[in-house]
Each structure stands twice: as C-alpha cells, then as structure tokens.
C-alpha cells in the first residue's frame, strides 16, 4: 500500500545516492592517477588537507565551492 510505495521510493533514493558516491570515488581515483587529486578544478590551487580529510572526493577548494 502507501507504506510499500514510500519504502520503494526510499530504496530508489538510497540507490541514487550510492551511484553518485560511487561515481565521485571513481573520479577521485582518476584524479589520483592523473596527478590532479587535491587540486581545485576551478582555480587550480591546492585543496586544503582538512577539506580533503573531511571530503576526500572534493573537486573544488572551499572558496570555489561556496
């Protein structure tokens, strides 16, 4: 019934989130391989270590992310 539909929607949302996270991890691995991990894709400056520790898949520095 209604609860089953809500459960199914929640499961689809979790699956989407998992795919997004998987893709972000793969992109980070590719940046490691290419030597660009930890470099902001917008300004080219280094991404702070604290940001990378908190969010290892970060593609932008804090200044460019906000």
N, C-alpha and C. Protein backbone atom coordinates (compact mmCIF):
# COMPACT_ATOMS: atom_id res chain seq x y z
N UNK A 1 0.84 -1.18 0.00
CA UNK A 1 0.00 0.00 0.00
C UNK A 1 0.88 1.24 0.00
N UNK A 2 0.44 2.25 0.70
CA UNK A 2 1.16 3.52 0.72
C UNK A 2 2.55 3.36 1.33
N UNK A 3 2.64 2.60 2.41
CA UNK A 3 3.94 2.39 3.06
C UNK A 3 4.90 1.66 2.13
N UNK A 4 4.38 0.70 1.35
CA UNK A 4 5.24 -0.02 0.41
C UNK A 4 5.79 0.92 -0.65
N UNK A 5 4.96 1.84 -1.12
CA UNK A 5 5.42 2.82 -2.10
C UNK A 5 6.48 3.74 -1.53
N UNK A 6 6.28 4.16 -0.29
CA UNK A 6 7.26 5.01 0.38
C UNK A 6 8.58 4.26 0.58
N UNK A 7 8.49 3.00 0.96
CA UNK A 7 9.69 2.18 1.13
C UNK A 7 10.43 2.02 -0.19
N UNK A 8 9.69 1.80 -1.26
CA UNK A 8 10.31 1.64 -2.57
C UNK A 8 10.98 2.94 -3.01
N UNK A 9 10.31 4.07 -2.77
CA UNK A 9 10.90 5.36 -3.13
C UNK A 9 12.17 5.63 -2.33
N UNK A 10 12.14 5.29 -1.04
CA UNK A 10 13.32 5.47 -0.20
C UNK A 10 14.47 4.60 -0.70
N UNK A 11 14.14 3.38 -1.11
CA UNK A 11 15.18 2.48 -1.63
C UNK A 11 15.77 3.04 -2.92
N UNK A 12 14.92 3.60 -3.79
CA UNK A 12 15.43 4.20 -5.03
C UNK A 12 16.32 5.40 -4.73
N UNK A 13 15.93 6.19 -3.75
CA UNK A 13 16.74 7.35 -3.37
C UNK A 13 18.10 6.91 -2.84
N UNK A 14 18.11 5.88 -2.00
CA UNK A 14 19.40 5.36 -1.48
C UNK A 14 20.26 4.83 -2.61
N UNK A 15 19.64 4.15 -3.57
CA UNK A 15 20.40 3.62 -4.71
C UNK A 15 21.01 4.75 -5.53
N UNK A 16 20.22 5.84 -5.75
CA UNK A 16 20.76 7.01 -6.48
C UNK A 16 21.93 7.62 -5.73
N UNK A 17 21.79 7.78 -4.42
CA UNK A 17 22.88 8.35 -3.62
C UNK A 17 24.11 7.47 -3.69
N UNK A 18 23.94 6.16 -3.67
CA UNK A 18 25.07 5.24 -3.75
C UNK A 18 25.78 5.37 -5.10
N UNK A 19 25.00 5.52 -6.18
CA UNK A 19 25.61 5.68 -7.50
C UNK A 19 26.40 6.99 -7.59
N UNK A 20 25.84 8.06 -7.04
CA UNK A 20 26.53 9.35 -7.04
C UNK A 20 27.84 9.23 -6.27
N UNK A 21 27.80 8.61 -5.11
CA UNK A 21 29.01 8.43 -4.29
C UNK A 21 30.03 7.56 -5.02
N UNK A 22 29.57 6.47 -5.63
CA UNK A 22 30.47 5.58 -6.39
C UNK A 22 31.15 6.36 -7.50
N UNK A 23 30.39 7.17 -8.23
CA UNK A 23 30.96 7.95 -9.32
C UNK A 23 31.97 8.98 -8.81
N UNK A 24 31.68 9.59 -7.65
CA UNK A 24 32.60 10.58 -7.07
C UNK A 24 33.90 9.90 -6.66
N UNK A 25 33.81 8.70 -6.10
CA UNK A 25 35.01 7.96 -5.70
C UNK A 25 35.83 7.59 -6.92
N UNK A 26 35.17 7.13 -7.97
CA UNK A 26 35.88 6.77 -9.20
C UNK A 26 36.57 8.00 -9.80
N UNK A 27 35.90 9.13 -9.79
CA UNK A 27 36.50 10.36 -10.31
C UNK A 27 37.73 10.75 -9.48
N UNK A 28 37.64 10.58 -8.16
CA UNK A 28 38.78 10.89 -7.29
C UNK A 28 39.95 9.96 -7.61
N UNK A 29 39.66 8.69 -7.83
CA UNK A 29 40.72 7.73 -8.20
C UNK A 29 41.39 8.15 -9.50
N UNK A 30 40.58 8.60 -10.45
CA UNK A 30 41.15 9.06 -11.73
C UNK A 30 42.02 10.28 -11.53
N UNK A 31 41.62 11.19 -10.62
CA UNK A 31 42.46 12.37 -10.34
C UNK A 31 43.77 11.96 -9.67
N UNK A 32 43.71 10.95 -8.80
CA UNK A 32 44.94 10.44 -8.18
C UNK A 32 45.86 9.91 -9.29
N UNK A 33 45.31 9.11 -10.18
CA UNK A 33 46.10 8.50 -11.26
C UNK A 33 46.70 9.55 -12.18
N UNK A 34 45.97 10.64 -12.41
CA UNK A 34 46.47 11.67 -13.34
C UNK A 34 47.32 12.73 -12.65
N UNK A 35 47.41 12.65 -11.31
CA UNK A 35 48.22 13.61 -10.58
C UNK A 35 47.51 14.92 -10.27
N UNK A 36 46.19 14.96 -10.44
CA UNK A 36 45.46 16.19 -10.18
C UNK A 36 44.61 16.13 -8.91
N UNK A 37 44.72 15.05 -8.16
CA UNK A 37 43.96 14.95 -6.91
C UNK A 37 44.45 16.03 -5.96
N UNK A 38 43.51 16.71 -5.31
CA UNK A 38 43.87 17.75 -4.36
C UNK A 38 44.09 19.11 -4.98
N UNK A 39 43.81 19.22 -6.28
CA UNK A 39 43.93 20.49 -6.99
C UNK A 39 42.52 20.93 -7.39
N UNK A 40 42.16 22.15 -7.07
CA UNK A 40 40.83 22.67 -7.38
C UNK A 40 40.63 22.71 -8.90
N UNK A 41 39.50 22.16 -9.34
CA UNK A 41 39.20 22.14 -10.77
C UNK A 41 38.81 23.51 -11.31
N UNK A 42 38.51 24.47 -10.43
CA UNK A 42 38.09 25.79 -10.88
C UNK A 42 39.28 26.75 -10.93
N UNK A 43 39.99 26.89 -9.80
CA UNK A 43 41.06 27.90 -9.72
C UNK A 43 42.46 27.32 -9.86
N UNK A 44 42.60 26.00 -9.73
CA UNK A 44 43.90 25.36 -9.88
C UNK A 44 44.77 25.39 -8.64
N UNK A 45 44.26 25.96 -7.55
CA UNK A 45 45.02 25.99 -6.30
C UNK A 45 44.84 24.68 -5.54
N UNK A 46 45.74 24.40 -4.60
CA UNK A 46 45.58 23.18 -3.81
C UNK A 46 44.32 23.24 -2.94
N UNK A 47 43.68 22.08 -2.79
CA UNK A 47 42.55 21.95 -1.87
C UNK A 47 43.14 21.65 -0.50
N UNK A 48 42.68 22.37 0.51
CA UNK A 48 43.23 22.22 1.87
C UNK A 48 43.12 20.77 2.36
N UNK A 49 44.16 20.33 3.05
CA UNK A 49 44.17 18.96 3.59
C UNK A 49 42.95 18.69 4.46
N UNK A 50 42.56 19.67 5.28
CA UNK A 50 41.40 19.47 6.16
C UNK A 50 40.14 19.20 5.34
N UNK A 51 40.00 19.89 4.22
CA UNK A 51 38.82 19.65 3.36
C UNK A 51 38.88 18.26 2.76
N UNK A 52 40.05 17.85 2.30
CA UNK A 52 40.19 16.52 1.72
C UNK A 52 39.99 15.42 2.76
N UNK A 53 40.38 15.69 4.00
CA UNK A 53 40.14 14.72 5.06
C UNK A 53 38.65 14.59 5.33
N UNK A 54 37.94 15.73 5.32
CA UNK A 54 36.50 15.72 5.58
C UNK A 54 35.72 15.20 4.38
N UNK A 55 36.20 15.51 3.19
CA UNK A 55 35.50 15.12 1.96
C UNK A 55 36.53 14.73 0.91
N UNK A 56 36.98 13.49 0.94
CA UNK A 56 38.05 13.05 0.03
C UNK A 56 37.71 13.16 -1.46
N UNK A 57 36.43 13.25 -1.77
CA UNK A 57 36.04 13.36 -3.18
C UNK A 57 35.91 14.80 -3.65
N UNK A 58 36.29 15.76 -2.80
CA UNK A 58 36.16 17.18 -3.16
C UNK A 58 36.91 17.48 -4.44
N UNK A 59 36.25 18.23 -5.32
CA UNK A 59 36.85 18.63 -6.59
C UNK A 59 37.23 20.10 -6.60
N UNK A 60 36.70 20.85 -5.62
CA UNK A 60 36.94 22.29 -5.56
C UNK A 60 37.39 22.69 -4.16
N UNK A 61 38.19 23.75 -4.11
CA UNK A 61 38.58 24.31 -2.82
C UNK A 61 37.35 24.96 -2.18
N UNK A 62 37.45 25.30 -0.90
CA UNK A 62 36.32 25.89 -0.20
C UNK A 62 35.87 27.19 -0.88
N UNK A 63 36.82 28.02 -1.27
CA UNK A 63 36.46 29.31 -1.88
C UNK A 63 35.65 29.09 -3.16
N UNK A 64 36.02 28.15 -3.98
CA UNK A 64 35.31 27.91 -5.24
C UNK A 64 34.03 27.10 -5.04
N UNK A 65 33.95 26.37 -3.95
CA UNK A 65 32.76 25.55 -3.69
C UNK A 65 31.62 26.36 -3.12
N UNK A 66 31.94 27.55 -2.57
CA UNK A 66 30.88 28.36 -1.96
C UNK A 66 30.41 29.47 -2.86
